[in-house]
């Protein structure tokens, strides 16, 4: 999550800089979907957990063979930025 937060804040700075401004405050930061949908969507961990199933071996016991996992984190951030007057 720390990398995802750093990426989100860098994107916010990039957008502000493209308009000639800068980020002044971070007002909210959360897992993806929680800010824009008011928490209606399931969290990513809940969706992942729902998809897990255990394989049963010939003895009726679960097979617990570890495999490499790829984890990703996506966050949303709401920031305040100062920008110059853009009126043309």
PDB file of N, CA and C in Angstrom:
ATOM      1  N   UNK A   1       0.816  -1.197   0.000  1.00  0.00           N
ATOM      2  CA  UNK A   1       0.000   0.000   0.000  1.00  0.00           C
ATOM      3  C   UNK A   1       0.857   1.258   0.000  1.00  0.00           C
ATOM      4  N   UNK A   2       1.987   1.195   0.668  1.00  0.00           N
ATOM      5  CA  UNK A   2       2.837   2.385   0.726  1.00  0.00           C
ATOM      6  C   UNK A   2       3.254   2.818  -0.674  1.00  0.00           C
ATOM      7  N   UNK A   3       3.614   1.861  -1.533  1.00  0.00           N
ATOM      8  CA  UNK A   3       3.977   2.198  -2.914  1.00  0.00           C
ATOM      9  C   UNK A   3       2.783   2.776  -3.666  1.00  0.00           C
ATOM     10  N   UNK A   4       1.607   2.210  -3.449  1.00  0.00           N
ATOM     11  CA  UNK A   4       0.399   2.709  -4.113  1.00  0.00           C
ATOM     12  C   UNK A   4       0.086   4.131  -3.675  1.00  0.00           C
ATOM     13  N   UNK A   5       0.284   4.414  -2.400  1.00  0.00           N
ATOM     14  CA  UNK A   5       0.044   5.772  -1.891  1.00  0.00           C
ATOM     15  C   UNK A   5       1.052   6.746  -2.491  1.00  0.00           C
ATOM     16  N   UNK A   6       2.335   6.348  -2.511  1.00  0.00           N
ATOM     17  CA  UNK A   6       3.351   7.219  -3.114  1.00  0.00           C
ATOM     18  C   UNK A   6       3.021   7.495  -4.585  1.00  0.00           C
ATOM     19  N   UNK A   7       2.579   6.480  -5.303  1.00  0.00           N
ATOM     20  CA  UNK A   7       2.227   6.649  -6.714  1.00  0.00           C
ATOM     21  C   UNK A   7       1.042   7.596  -6.868  1.00  0.00           C
ATOM     22  N   UNK A   8       0.018   7.425  -6.040  1.00  0.00           N
ATOM     23  CA  UNK A   8      -1.162   8.294  -6.112  1.00  0.00           C
ATOM     24  C   UNK A   8      -0.786   9.746  -5.836  1.00  0.00           C
ATOM     25  N   UNK A   9       0.059   9.963  -4.834  1.00  0.00           N
ATOM     26  CA  UNK A   9       0.459  11.336  -4.513  1.00  0.00           C
ATOM     27  C   UNK A   9       1.329  11.926  -5.617  1.00  0.00           C
ATOM     28  N   UNK A  10       2.187  11.124  -6.231  1.00  0.00           N
ATOM     29  CA  UNK A  10       3.000  11.629  -7.339  1.00  0.00           C
ATOM     30  C   UNK A  10       2.117  12.001  -8.520  1.00  0.00           C
ATOM     31  N   UNK A  11       1.098  11.202  -8.783  1.00  0.00           N
ATOM     32  CA  UNK A  11       0.170  11.537  -9.875  1.00  0.00           C
ATOM     33  C   UNK A  11      -0.552  12.846  -9.587  1.00  0.00           C
ATOM     34  N   UNK A  12      -0.961  13.019  -8.345  1.00  0.00           N
ATOM     35  CA  UNK A  12      -1.629  14.272  -7.974  1.00  0.00           C
ATOM     36  C   UNK A  12      -0.691  15.456  -8.187  1.00  0.00           C
ATOM     37  N   UNK A  13       0.567  15.301  -7.782  1.00  0.00           N
ATOM     38  CA  UNK A  13       1.548  16.376  -7.997  1.00  0.00           C
ATOM     39  C   UNK A  13       1.746  16.646  -9.489  1.00  0.00           C
ATOM     40  N   UNK A  14       1.791  15.580 -10.284  1.00  0.00           N
ATOM     41  CA  UNK A  14       1.966  15.738 -11.731  1.00  0.00           C
ATOM     42  C   UNK A  14       0.799  16.496 -12.352  1.00  0.00           C
ATOM     43  N   UNK A  15      -0.431  16.152 -11.957  1.00  0.00           N
ATOM     44  CA  UNK A  15      -1.606  16.857 -12.477  1.00  0.00           C
ATOM     45  C   UNK A  15      -1.560  18.327 -12.078  1.00  0.00           C
ATOM     46  N   UNK A  16      -1.271  18.589 -10.813  1.00  0.00           N
ATOM     47  CA  UNK A  16      -1.215  19.976 -10.345  1.00  0.00           C
ATOM     48  C   UNK A  16      -0.121  20.748 -11.084  1.00  0.00           C
ATOM     49  N   UNK A  17       1.048  20.141 -11.239  1.00  0.00           N
ATOM     50  CA  UNK A  17       2.157  20.810 -11.930  1.00  0.00           C
ATOM     51  C   UNK A  17       1.805  21.098 -13.385  1.00  0.00           C
ATOM     52  N   UNK A  18       1.069  20.204 -14.032  1.00  0.00           N
ATOM     53  CA  UNK A  18       0.667  20.417 -15.422  1.00  0.00           C
ATOM     54  C   UNK A  18      -0.217  21.651 -15.553  1.00  0.00           C
ATOM     55  N   UNK A  19      -0.895  22.013 -14.475  1.00  0.00           N
ATOM     56  CA  UNK A  19      -1.732  23.214 -14.470  1.00  0.00           C
ATOM     57  C   UNK A  19      -0.993  24.417 -13.882  1.00  0.00           C
ATOM     58  N   UNK A  20       0.276  24.233 -13.549  1.00  0.00           N
ATOM     59  CA  UNK A  20       1.062  25.325 -12.984  1.00  0.00           C
ATOM     60  C   UNK A  20       0.878  25.495 -11.492  1.00  0.00           C
ATOM     61  N   UNK A  21       0.399  24.471 -10.802  1.00  0.00           N
ATOM     62  CA  UNK A  21       0.150  24.580  -9.368  1.00  0.00           C
ATOM     63  C   UNK A  21       0.897  23.526  -8.583  1.00  0.00           C
ATOM     64  N   UNK A  22       0.449  23.325  -7.357  1.00  0.00           N
ATOM     65  CA  UNK A  22       1.059  22.311  -6.491  1.00  0.00           C
ATOM     66  C   UNK A  22       0.024  21.775  -5.512  1.00  0.00           C
ATOM     67  N   UNK A  23       0.239  20.549  -5.042  1.00  0.00           N
ATOM     68  CA  UNK A  23      -0.639  19.929  -4.051  1.00  0.00           C
ATOM     69  C   UNK A  23      -0.363  20.575  -2.703  1.00  0.00           C
ATOM     70  N   UNK A  24      -1.437  20.942  -2.004  1.00  0.00           N
ATOM     71  CA  UNK A  24      -1.263  21.569  -0.687  1.00  0.00           C
ATOM     72  C   UNK A  24      -1.679  20.650   0.453  1.00  0.00           C
ATOM     73  N   UNK A  25      -2.711  19.849   0.261  1.00  0.00           N
ATOM     74  CA  UNK A  25      -3.157  18.940   1.322  1.00  0.00           C
ATOM     75  C   UNK A  25      -3.716  17.656   0.720  1.00  0.00           C
ATOM     76  N   UNK A  26      -3.655  16.599   1.507  1.00  0.00           N
ATOM     77  CA  UNK A  26      -4.314  15.333   1.174  1.00  0.00           C
ATOM     78  C   UNK A  26      -5.517  15.262   2.101  1.00  0.00           C
ATOM     79  N   UNK A  27      -6.718  15.241   1.537  1.00  0.00           N
ATOM     80  CA  UNK A  27      -7.909  15.232   2.386  1.00  0.00           C
ATOM     81  C   UNK A  27      -8.420  13.826   2.665  1.00  0.00           C
ATOM     82  N   UNK A  28      -8.250  12.905   1.708  1.00  0.00           N
ATOM     83  CA  UNK A  28      -8.716  11.529   1.907  1.00  0.00           C
ATOM     84  C   UNK A  28      -7.837  10.583   1.116  1.00  0.00           C
ATOM     85  N   UNK A  29      -7.663   9.378   1.642  1.00  0.00           N
ATOM     86  CA  UNK A  29      -6.972   8.321   0.920  1.00  0.00           C
ATOM     87  C   UNK A  29      -7.555   6.999   1.388  1.00  0.00           C
ATOM     88  N   UNK A  30      -7.859   6.118   0.443  1.00  0.00           N
ATOM     89  CA  UNK A  30      -8.503   4.848   0.799  1.00  0.00           C
ATOM     90  C   UNK A  30      -8.277   3.834  -0.309  1.00  0.00           C
ATOM     91  N   UNK A  31      -8.594   2.585  -0.015  1.00  0.00           N
ATOM     92  CA  UNK A  31      -8.542   1.540  -1.036  1.00  0.00           C
ATOM     93  C   UNK A  31      -9.481   1.912  -2.176  1.00  0.00           C
ATOM     94  N   UNK A  32      -9.132   1.470  -3.367  1.00  0.00           N
ATOM     95  CA  UNK A  32      -9.909   1.790  -4.551  1.00  0.00           C
ATOM     96  C   UNK A  32     -11.366   1.388  -4.395  1.00  0.00           C
ATOM     97  N   UNK A  33     -12.258   2.296  -4.776  1.00  0.00           N
ATOM     98  CA  UNK A  33     -13.686   2.024  -4.715  1.00  0.00           C
ATOM     99  C   UNK A  33     -14.362   2.524  -3.458  1.00  0.00           C
ATOM    100  N   UNK A  34     -13.604   2.785  -2.411  1.00  0.00           N
ATOM    101  CA  UNK A  34     -14.225   3.203  -1.157  1.00  0.00           C
ATOM    102  C   UNK A  34     -14.565   4.685  -1.125  1.00  0.00           C
ATOM    103  N   UNK A  35     -13.830   5.508  -1.839  1.00  0.00           N
ATOM    104  CA  UNK A  35     -14.141   6.935  -1.877  1.00  0.00           C
ATOM    105  C   UNK A  35     -15.210   7.261  -2.899  1.00  0.00           C
ATOM    106  N   UNK A  36     -15.086   6.716  -4.103  1.00  0.00           N
ATOM    107  CA  UNK A  36     -15.993   7.089  -5.177  1.00  0.00           C
ATOM    108  C   UNK A  36     -17.349   6.405  -5.101  1.00  0.00           C
ATOM    109  N   UNK A  37     -17.442   5.302  -4.345  1.00  0.00           N
ATOM    110  CA  UNK A  37     -18.709   4.574  -4.282  1.00  0.00           C
ATOM    111  C   UNK A  37     -19.277   4.515  -2.880  1.00  0.00           C
ATOM    112  N   UNK A  38     -18.744   5.313  -1.971  1.00  0.00           N
ATOM    113  CA  UNK A  38     -19.284   5.348  -0.622  1.00  0.00           C
ATOM    114  C   UNK A  38     -19.221   4.023   0.107  1.00  0.00           C
ATOM    115  N   UNK A  39     -18.301   3.149  -0.254  1.00  0.00           N
ATOM    116  CA  UNK A  39     -18.159   1.881   0.441  1.00  0.00           C
ATOM    117  C   UNK A  39     -19.117   0.803  -0.027  1.00  0.00           C
ATOM    118  N   UNK A  40     -19.825   1.050  -1.133  1.00  0.00           N
ATOM    119  CA  UNK A  40     -20.796   0.066  -1.614  1.00  0.00           C
ATOM    120  C   UNK A  40     -20.132  -1.203  -2.142  1.00  0.00           C
ATOM    121  N   UNK A  41     -18.959  -1.052  -2.762  1.00  0.00           N
ATOM    122  CA  UNK A  41     -18.309  -2.209  -3.360  1.00  0.00           C
ATOM    123  C   UNK A  41     -17.593  -3.017  -2.292  1.00  0.00           C
ATOM    124  N   UNK A  42     -17.466  -4.307  -2.564  1.00  0.00           N
ATOM    125  CA  UNK A  42     -16.692  -5.157  -1.677  1.00  0.00           C
ATOM    126  C   UNK A  42     -15.240  -4.748  -1.757  1.00  0.00           C
ATOM    127  N   UNK A  43     -14.531  -4.899  -0.649  1.00  0.00           N
ATOM    128  CA  UNK A  43     -13.102  -4.623  -0.693  1.00  0.00           C
ATOM    129  C   UNK A  43     -12.413  -5.683  -1.528  1.00  0.00           C
ATOM    130  N   UNK A  44     -11.220  -5.352  -2.012  1.00  0.00           N
ATOM    131  CA  UNK A  44     -10.472  -6.299  -2.838  1.00  0.00           C
ATOM    132  C   UNK A  44     -10.188  -7.583  -2.075  1.00  0.00           C
ATOM    133  N   UNK A  45      -9.892  -7.477  -0.793  1.00  0.00           N
ATOM    134  CA  UNK A  45      -9.597  -8.687  -0.019  1.00  0.00           C
ATOM    135  C   UNK A  45     -10.824  -9.580   0.099  1.00  0.00           C
ATOM    136  N   UNK A  46     -12.003  -8.999   0.186  1.00  0.00           N
ATOM    137  CA  UNK A  46     -13.220  -9.808   0.270  1.00  0.00           C
ATOM    138  C   UNK A  46     -13.464 -10.523  -1.063  1.00  0.00           C
ATOM    139  N   UNK A  47     -13.205  -9.830  -2.175  1.00  0.00           N
ATOM    140  CA  UNK A  47     -13.389 -10.455  -3.485  1.00  0.00           C
ATOM    141  C   UNK A  47     -12.396 -11.588  -3.680  1.00  0.00           C
ATOM    142  N   UNK A  48     -11.147 -11.361  -3.245  1.00  0.00           N
ATOM    143  CA  UNK A  48     -10.141 -12.409  -3.378  1.00  0.00           C
ATOM    144  C   UNK A  48     -10.487 -13.615  -2.513  1.00  0.00           C
ATOM    145  N   UNK A  49     -10.879 -13.373  -1.279  1.00  0.00           N
ATOM    146  CA  UNK A  49     -11.192 -14.475  -0.365  1.00  0.00           C
ATOM    147  C   UNK A  49     -12.356 -15.304  -0.901  1.00  0.00           C
ATOM    148  N   UNK A  50     -13.299 -14.665  -1.542  1.00  0.00           N
ATOM    149  CA  UNK A  50     -14.446 -15.394  -2.076  1.00  0.00           C
ATOM    150  C   UNK A  50     -14.035 -16.327  -3.208  1.00  0.00           C
ATOM    151  N   UNK A  51     -12.920 -16.036  -3.870  1.00  0.00           N
ATOM    152  CA  UNK A  51     -12.492 -16.854  -4.987  1.00  0.00           C
ATOM    153  C   UNK A  51     -11.592 -18.011  -4.622  1.00  0.00           C
ATOM    154  N   UNK A  52     -11.168 -18.111  -3.380  1.00  0.00           N
ATOM    155  CA  UNK A  52     -10.275 -19.200  -2.978  1.00  0.00           C
ATOM    156  C   UNK A  52     -11.036 -20.489  -2.742  1.00  0.00           C
ATOM    157  N   UNK A  53     -10.471 -21.571  -3.218  1.00  0.00           N
ATOM    158  CA  UNK A  53     -11.011 -22.897  -2.938  1.00  0.00           C
ATOM    159  C   UNK A  53      -9.843 -23.804  -2.604  1.00  0.00           C
ATOM    160  N   UNK A  54     -10.076 -24.789  -1.811  1.00  0.00           N
ATOM    161  CA  UNK A  54      -9.024 -25.745  -1.437  1.00  0.00           C
ATOM    162  C   UNK A  54      -9.137 -26.979  -2.308  1.00  0.00           C
ATOM    163  N   UNK A  55      -7.985 -27.482  -2.769  1.00  0.00           N
ATOM    164  CA  UNK A  55      -7.975 -28.738  -3.512  1.00  0.00           C
ATOM    165  C   UNK A  55      -7.887 -29.872  -2.504  1.00  0.00           C
ATOM    166  N   UNK A  56      -8.649 -30.929  -2.737  1.00  0.00           N
ATOM    167  CA  UNK A  56      -8.650 -32.062  -1.821  1.00  0.00           C
ATOM    168  C   UNK A  56      -7.819 -33.180  -2.444  1.00  0.00           C
ATOM    169  N   UNK A  57      -6.887 -33.722  -1.637  1.00  0.00           N
ATOM    170  CA  UNK A  57      -6.024 -34.806  -2.103  1.00  0.00           C
ATOM    171  C   UNK A  57      -6.721 -36.145  -2.024  1.00  0.00           C
ATOM    172  N   UNK A  58      -5.997 -37.191  -2.377  1.00  0.00           N
ATOM    173  CA  UNK A  58      -6.570 -38.538  -2.411  1.00  0.00           C
ATOM    174  C   UNK A  58      -6.987 -39.016  -1.022  1.00  0.00           C
ATOM    175  N   UNK A  59      -6.397 -38.490   0.022  1.00  0.00           N
ATOM    176  CA  UNK A  59      -6.728 -38.880   1.394  1.00  0.00           C
ATOM    177  C   UNK A  59      -7.880 -38.050   1.962  1.00  0.00           C
ATOM    178  N   UNK A  60      -8.395 -37.106   1.191  1.00  0.00           N
ATOM    179  CA  UNK A  60      -9.460 -36.243   1.685  1.00  0.00           C
ATOM    180  C   UNK A  60      -8.952 -35.019   2.433  1.00  0.00           C
ATOM    181  N   UNK A  61      -7.641 -34.814   2.458  1.00  0.00           N
ATOM    182  CA  UNK A  61      -7.072 -33.640   3.132  1.00  0.00           C
ATOM    183  C   UNK A  61      -6.696 -32.583   2.093  1.00  0.00           C
ATOM    184  N   UNK A  62      -6.727 -31.321   2.482  1.00  0.00           N
ATOM    185  CA  UNK A  62      -6.387 -30.265   1.522  1.00  0.00           C
ATOM    186  C   UNK A  62      -4.921 -30.346   1.104  1.00  0.00           C
ATOM    187  N   UNK A  63      -4.648 -29.982  -0.147  1.00  0.00           N
ATOM    188  CA  UNK A  63      -3.280 -29.891  -0.647  1.00  0.00           C
ATOM    189  C   UNK A  63      -2.764 -28.494  -0.340  1.00  0.00           C
ATOM    190  N   UNK A  64      -1.704 -28.401   0.419  1.00  0.00           N
ATOM    191  CA  UNK A  64      -1.167 -27.117   0.820  1.00  0.00           C
ATOM    192  C   UNK A  64       0.201 -26.890   0.189  1.00  0.00           C
ATOM    193  N   UNK A  65       0.237 -26.848  -1.119  1.00  0.00           N
ATOM    194  CA  UNK A  65       1.473 -26.598  -1.844  1.00  0.00           C
ATOM    195  C   UNK A  65       1.611 -25.095  -2.075  1.00  0.00           C
ATOM    196  N   UNK A  66       2.581 -24.454  -1.425  1.00  0.00           N
ATOM    197  CA  UNK A  66       2.725 -23.001  -1.596  1.00  0.00           C
ATOM    198  C   UNK A  66       3.139 -22.640  -3.019  1.00  0.00           C
ATOM    199  N   UNK A  67       2.581 -21.573  -3.519  1.00  0.00           N
ATOM    200  CA  UNK A  67       2.941 -21.053  -4.829  1.00  0.00           C
ATOM    201  C   UNK A  67       3.182 -19.551  -4.682  1.00  0.00           C
ATOM    202  N   UNK A  68       4.075 -18.994  -5.492  1.00  0.00           N
ATOM    203  CA  UNK A  68       4.312 -17.547  -5.419  1.00  0.00           C
ATOM    204  C   UNK A  68       3.026 -16.780  -5.693  1.00  0.00           C
ATOM    205  N   UNK A  69       2.828 -15.691  -4.970  1.00  0.00           N
ATOM    206  CA  UNK A  69       1.645 -14.854  -5.124  1.00  0.00           C
ATOM    207  C   UNK A  69       2.068 -13.457  -5.554  1.00  0.00           C
ATOM    208  N   UNK A  70       1.284 -12.856  -6.401  1.00  0.00           N
ATOM    209  CA  UNK A  70       1.514 -11.469  -6.781  1.00  0.00           C
ATOM    210  C   UNK A  70       0.450 -10.628  -6.100  1.00  0.00           C
ATOM    211  N   UNK A  71       0.868  -9.654  -5.326  1.00  0.00           N
ATOM    212  CA  UNK A  71      -0.047  -8.777  -4.621  1.00  0.00           C
ATOM    213  C   UNK A  71      -0.023  -7.405  -5.264  1.00  0.00           C
ATOM    214  N   UNK A  72      -1.182  -6.819  -5.377  1.00  0.00           N
ATOM    215  CA  UNK A  72      -1.276  -5.459  -5.886  1.00  0.00           C
ATOM    216  C   UNK A  72      -2.123  -4.637  -4.937  1.00  0.00           C
ATOM    217  N   UNK A  73      -1.860  -3.353  -4.915  1.00  0.00           N
ATOM    218  CA  UNK A  73      -2.651  -2.432  -4.105  1.00  0.00           C
ATOM    219  C   UNK A  73      -3.012  -1.239  -4.973  1.00  0.00           C
ATOM    220  N   UNK A  74      -4.254  -0.834  -4.898  1.00  0.00           N
ATOM    221  CA  UNK A  74      -4.729   0.332  -5.630  1.00  0.00           C
ATOM    222  C   UNK A  74      -5.428   1.227  -4.626  1.00  0.00           C
ATOM    223  N   UNK A  75      -5.070   2.497  -4.644  1.00  0.00           N
ATOM    224  CA  UNK A  75      -5.691   3.446  -3.728  1.00  0.00           C
ATOM    225  C   UNK A  75      -6.230   4.636  -4.509  1.00  0.00           C
ATOM    226  N   UNK A  76      -7.140   5.345  -3.883  1.00  0.00           N
ATOM    227  CA  UNK A  76      -7.650   6.603  -4.412  1.00  0.00           C
ATOM    228  C   UNK A  76      -7.297   7.678  -3.410  1.00  0.00           C
ATOM    229  N   UNK A  77      -6.974   8.850  -3.905  1.00  0.00           N
ATOM    230  CA  UNK A  77      -6.645   9.971  -3.024  1.00  0.00           C
ATOM    231  C   UNK A  77      -7.396  11.201  -3.484  1.00  0.00           C
ATOM    232  N   UNK A  78      -7.832  11.986  -2.523  1.00  0.00           N
ATOM    233  CA  UNK A  78      -8.427  13.295  -2.806  1.00  0.00           C
ATOM    234  C   UNK A  78      -7.502  14.331  -2.206  1.00  0.00           C
ATOM    235  N   UNK A  79      -7.107  15.260  -3.049  1.00  0.00           N
ATOM    236  CA  UNK A  79      -6.143  16.268  -2.621  1.00  0.00           C
ATOM    237  C   UNK A  79      -6.672  17.656  -2.948  1.00  0.00           C
ATOM    238  N   UNK A  80      -6.070  18.644  -2.312  1.00  0.00           N
ATOM    239  CA  UNK A  80      -6.328  20.040  -2.628  1.00  0.00           C
ATOM    240  C   UNK A  80      -5.062  20.599  -3.247  1.00  0.00           C
ATOM    241  N   UNK A  81      -5.220  21.341  -4.320  1.00  0.00           N
ATOM    242  CA  UNK A  81      -4.066  21.912  -4.997  1.00  0.00           C
ATOM    243  C   UNK A  81      -4.306  23.390  -5.268  1.00  0.00           C
ATOM    244  N   UNK A  82      -3.220  24.120  -5.304  1.00  0.00           N
ATOM    245  CA  UNK A  82      -3.308  25.505  -5.727  1.00  0.00           C
ATOM    246  C   UNK A  82      -2.949  25.559  -7.201  1.00  0.00           C
ATOM    247  N   UNK A  83      -3.712  26.304  -7.960  1.00  0.00           N
ATOM    248  CA  UNK A  83      -3.409  26.491  -9.387  1.00  0.00           C
ATOM    249  C   UNK A  83      -3.637  27.963  -9.715  1.00  0.00           C
ATOM    250  N   UNK A  84      -2.901  28.466 -10.688  1.00  0.00           N
ATOM    251  CA  UNK A  84      -3.106  29.862 -11.078  1.00  0.00           C
ATOM    252  C   UNK A  84      -4.463  30.011 -11.770  1.00  0.00           C
ATOM    253  N   UNK A  85      -4.893  31.247 -11.917  1.00  0.00           N
ATOM    254  CA  UNK A  85      -6.143  31.528 -12.625  1.00  0.00           C
ATOM    255  C   UNK A  85      -5.991  31.073 -14.072  1.00  0.00           C
ATOM    256  N   UNK A  86      -6.831  30.142 -14.493  1.00  0.00           N
ATOM    257  CA  UNK A  86      -6.733  29.574 -15.844  1.00  0.00           C
ATOM    258  C   UNK A  86      -7.669  30.234 -16.846  1.00  0.00           C
ATOM    259  N   UNK A  87      -8.288  31.333 -16.445  1.00  0.00           N
ATOM    260  CA  UNK A  87      -9.197  32.023 -17.353  1.00  0.00           C
ATOM    261  C   UNK A  87      -8.420  32.566 -18.550  1.00  0.00           C
ATOM    262  N   UNK A  88      -8.989  32.359 -19.716  1.00  0.00           N
ATOM    263  CA  UNK A  88      -8.316  32.811 -20.945  1.00  0.00           C
ATOM    264  C   UNK A  88      -8.792  34.159 -21.361  1.00  0.00           C
TER     265      UNK A  88
END
